[in-house]
Amino acid sequence: MALRTAIYMRVSTQDQSVESQRHELKRFVEARDDLELVGEYEDVISGVTEKRAQLDELMLAARQRRIDAVVFFDFTRLTRKGIQHALELLRQWREANVRPICYSFPMLDFSDDSGTGEVIAALLAWDGSAGAPDASAADQGGDGKGEDVWHQEWCTHRQTKNHCRAAVEYQIPAS
């Protein structure tokens, strides 16, 4: 029996569209025999905003057991609020017996009992909330070093991001 599956999409502003996310997520669900699309939820709001109309509806559907799985594009589309918010969403889905599936990392199991899924989710959520430093803010000192500071911080962020991706892509051997 296929899992009743909802997809969640989010963009930050009205001049953006969720259509590319919708296309990829629907194609992903349709390609799998174990998933059946039963709902679509989309928000046009900043990912740092915790309360979102469609995310709240999705969470209600989970609590009411109207869905068995939720597919989202990546953690930046789910939340940019940070690690705590991402882990709270995963906790609520786990309590509702809803399986979260990240399109970008479909091989990961965020609902396992070992805690590995939560650690990886925390890395991905941190990666999504870290963002690039604001060049204009770094350059306000007027000493001519602002852009160099911004560049150094951005490179450090990119290196950390690559380490996070490497950790996520690492296959943990079965014990």
Protein backbone atom coordinates (compact mmCIF):
# COMPACT_ATOMS: atom_id res chain seq x y z
CA MET A 1 0.00 0.00 0.00
CA ALA A 2 1.41 3.37 -1.02
CA LEU A 3 2.06 6.07 1.57
CA ARG A 4 -0.36 9.00 1.35
CA THR A 5 2.10 11.73 0.49
CA ALA A 6 2.02 15.52 0.63
CA ILE A 7 4.55 17.80 -1.01
CA TYR A 8 5.67 21.09 0.56
CA MET A 9 7.08 23.97 -1.47
CA ARG A 10 8.22 27.42 -0.39
CA VAL A 11 9.64 30.55 -1.96
CA SER A 12 10.42 33.81 -0.21
CA THR A 13 8.82 36.45 -2.41
CA GLN A 14 5.90 36.98 -4.78
CA ASP A 15 8.25 37.43 -7.75
CA GLN A 16 9.45 33.83 -7.28
CA SER A 17 7.54 30.69 -8.24
CA VAL A 18 7.19 27.27 -6.68
CA GLU A 19 6.55 25.69 -10.09
CA SER A 20 10.04 24.22 -10.52
CA GLN A 21 9.80 22.67 -7.04
CA ARG A 22 6.27 21.41 -7.77
CA HIS A 23 7.39 19.83 -11.05
CA GLU A 24 10.36 18.02 -9.50
CA LEU A 25 8.49 16.89 -6.37
CA LYS A 26 5.50 15.58 -8.31
CA ARG A 27 7.79 13.75 -10.73
CA PHE A 28 9.67 12.26 -7.76
CA VAL A 29 6.46 11.02 -6.09
CA GLU A 30 4.98 9.68 -9.33
CA ALA A 31 8.16 7.70 -10.06
CA ARG A 32 7.86 5.76 -6.81
CA ASP A 33 5.43 2.91 -6.26
CA ASP A 34 5.50 3.41 -2.49
CA LEU A 35 4.17 7.01 -2.62
CA GLU A 36 0.76 8.39 -3.64
CA LEU A 37 0.32 12.17 -3.94
CA VAL A 38 -2.66 13.31 -1.86
CA GLY A 39 -1.84 16.95 -1.13
CA GLU A 40 0.18 20.00 -2.11
CA TYR A 41 1.15 22.79 0.26
CA GLU A 42 2.94 25.95 -0.81
CA ASP A 43 3.99 29.08 1.02
CA VAL A 44 5.26 32.38 -0.34
CA ILE A 45 7.01 33.70 2.75
CA SER A 46 10.46 33.90 4.27
CA GLY A 47 11.82 30.62 5.58
CA VAL A 48 12.77 32.29 8.86
CA THR A 49 9.08 32.84 9.57
CA GLU A 50 8.06 29.96 11.82
CA LYS A 51 4.29 30.30 11.45
CA ARG A 52 3.26 29.81 7.83
CA ALA A 53 -0.31 29.14 6.70
CA GLN A 54 0.42 26.18 4.44
CA LEU A 55 3.12 24.69 6.68
CA ASP A 56 0.65 24.90 9.57
CA GLU A 57 -1.98 23.14 7.41
CA LEU A 58 0.56 20.46 6.52
CA MET A 59 1.39 19.90 10.17
CA LEU A 60 -2.34 19.65 10.97
CA ALA A 61 -2.77 17.05 8.21
CA ALA A 62 0.09 15.10 9.80
CA ARG A 63 -1.40 15.26 13.31
CA GLN A 64 -4.79 14.21 11.94
CA ARG A 65 -3.13 11.24 10.19
CA ARG A 66 -4.31 12.36 6.74
CA ILE A 67 -0.80 11.83 5.37
CA ASP A 68 1.89 9.20 5.88
CA ALA A 69 4.80 11.00 4.22
CA VAL A 70 5.87 14.52 3.28
CA VAL A 71 8.34 15.35 0.52
CA PHE A 72 10.15 18.69 0.52
CA PHE A 73 12.79 19.94 -1.91
CA ASP A 74 15.57 20.62 0.61
CA PHE A 75 15.94 22.03 4.09
CA THR A 76 16.22 25.61 2.80
CA ARG A 77 12.70 25.25 1.39
CA LEU A 78 11.45 23.74 4.64
CA THR A 79 13.00 26.23 7.03
CA ARG A 80 15.68 28.86 7.39
CA LYS A 81 14.79 29.39 11.03
CA GLY A 82 17.65 27.16 12.10
CA ILE A 83 18.37 23.83 13.69
CA GLN A 84 15.75 23.98 16.46
CA HIS A 85 12.88 24.63 14.04
CA ALA A 86 14.00 21.87 11.66
CA LEU A 87 14.30 19.36 14.51
CA GLU A 88 10.93 20.41 15.90
CA LEU A 89 9.25 19.76 12.54
CA LEU A 90 10.93 16.34 12.36
CA ARG A 91 9.86 15.57 15.94
CA GLN A 92 6.24 16.43 15.19
CA TRP A 93 6.29 14.28 12.05
CA ARG A 94 7.84 11.40 13.99
CA GLU A 95 5.11 11.68 16.67
CA ALA A 96 2.46 11.61 13.90
CA ASN A 97 4.15 8.62 12.18
CA VAL A 98 4.79 10.73 9.08
CA ARG A 99 7.92 9.98 7.09
CA PRO A 100 9.83 13.10 5.98
CA ILE A 101 11.58 12.72 2.63
CA CYS A 102 14.05 15.32 1.39
CA TYR A 103 14.08 15.35 -2.41
CA SER A 104 17.73 16.51 -2.43
CA PHE A 105 18.80 13.61 -0.17
CA PRO A 106 16.16 10.89 -0.65
CA MET A 107 18.43 8.17 0.76
CA LEU A 108 18.42 9.73 4.22
CA ASP A 109 16.05 8.50 6.91
CA PHE A 110 15.21 11.40 9.21
CA SER A 111 12.90 9.27 11.33
CA ASP A 112 15.32 6.57 12.43
CA ASP A 113 15.73 5.79 16.12
CA SER A 114 19.53 5.99 16.11
CA GLY A 115 19.57 9.80 16.04
CA THR A 116 21.68 9.83 12.86
CA GLY A 117 18.85 11.39 10.89
CA GLU A 118 18.53 14.22 13.39
CA VAL A 119 22.26 14.93 13.30
CA ILE A 120 22.23 15.10 9.51
CA ALA A 121 19.05 17.21 9.55
CA ALA A 122 20.76 19.59 12.00
CA LEU A 123 23.73 19.93 9.63
CA LEU A 124 21.46 20.58 6.66
CA ALA A 125 19.31 23.06 8.61
CA TRP A 126 22.40 24.87 9.88
CA ASP A 127 23.74 24.96 6.33
CA GLY A 128 20.47 26.48 5.11
CA SER A 129 20.26 29.06 7.86
CA ALA A 130 23.92 30.11 7.60
CA GLY A 131 23.47 31.95 4.30
CA ALA A 132 26.04 34.18 2.72
CA PRO A 133 27.22 37.12 4.78
CA ASP A 134 25.86 40.49 3.71
CA ALA A 135 28.60 42.24 1.74
CA SER A 136 27.16 45.68 2.35
CA ALA A 137 27.09 45.13 6.11
CA ALA A 138 30.69 43.92 6.10
CA ASP A 139 31.81 46.88 4.01
CA GLN A 140 30.37 49.61 6.26
CA GLY A 141 33.57 50.12 8.17
CA GLY A 142 34.94 52.47 5.51
CA ASP A 143 38.46 51.10 5.91
CA GLY A 144 38.57 49.45 2.48
CA LYS A 145 38.80 45.99 4.07
CA GLY A 146 35.09 45.24 4.13
CA GLU A 147 34.96 43.32 0.88
CA ASP A 148 38.02 41.27 1.89
CA VAL A 149 36.31 40.41 5.19
CA TRP A 150 33.13 39.46 3.35
CA HIS A 151 35.09 37.32 0.86
CA GLN A 152 36.94 35.53 3.66
CA GLU A 153 33.69 34.83 5.56
CA TRP A 154 31.96 33.63 2.40
CA CYS A 155 34.85 31.28 1.54
CA THR A 156 34.81 29.93 5.09
CA HIS A 157 31.05 29.40 4.79
CA ARG A 158 31.46 27.60 1.44
CA GLN A 159 34.16 25.33 2.90
CA THR A 160 31.91 24.48 5.84
CA LYS A 161 29.01 23.87 3.48
CA ASN A 162 31.14 21.44 1.46
CA HIS A 163 32.12 19.61 4.66
CA CYS A 164 28.43 19.35 5.59
CA ARG A 165 27.61 17.95 2.17
CA ALA A 166 30.46 15.45 2.47
CA ALA A 167 29.15 14.34 5.87
CA VAL A 168 25.65 13.94 4.47
CA GLU A 169 26.82 12.00 1.42
CA TYR A 170 28.96 9.66 3.53
CA GLN A 171 27.36 6.23 3.76
CA ILE A 172 27.25 5.03 7.37
CA PRO A 173 28.06 1.30 7.34
CA ALA A 174 25.40 -1.03 8.78
CA SER A 175 26.43 -2.47 12.13
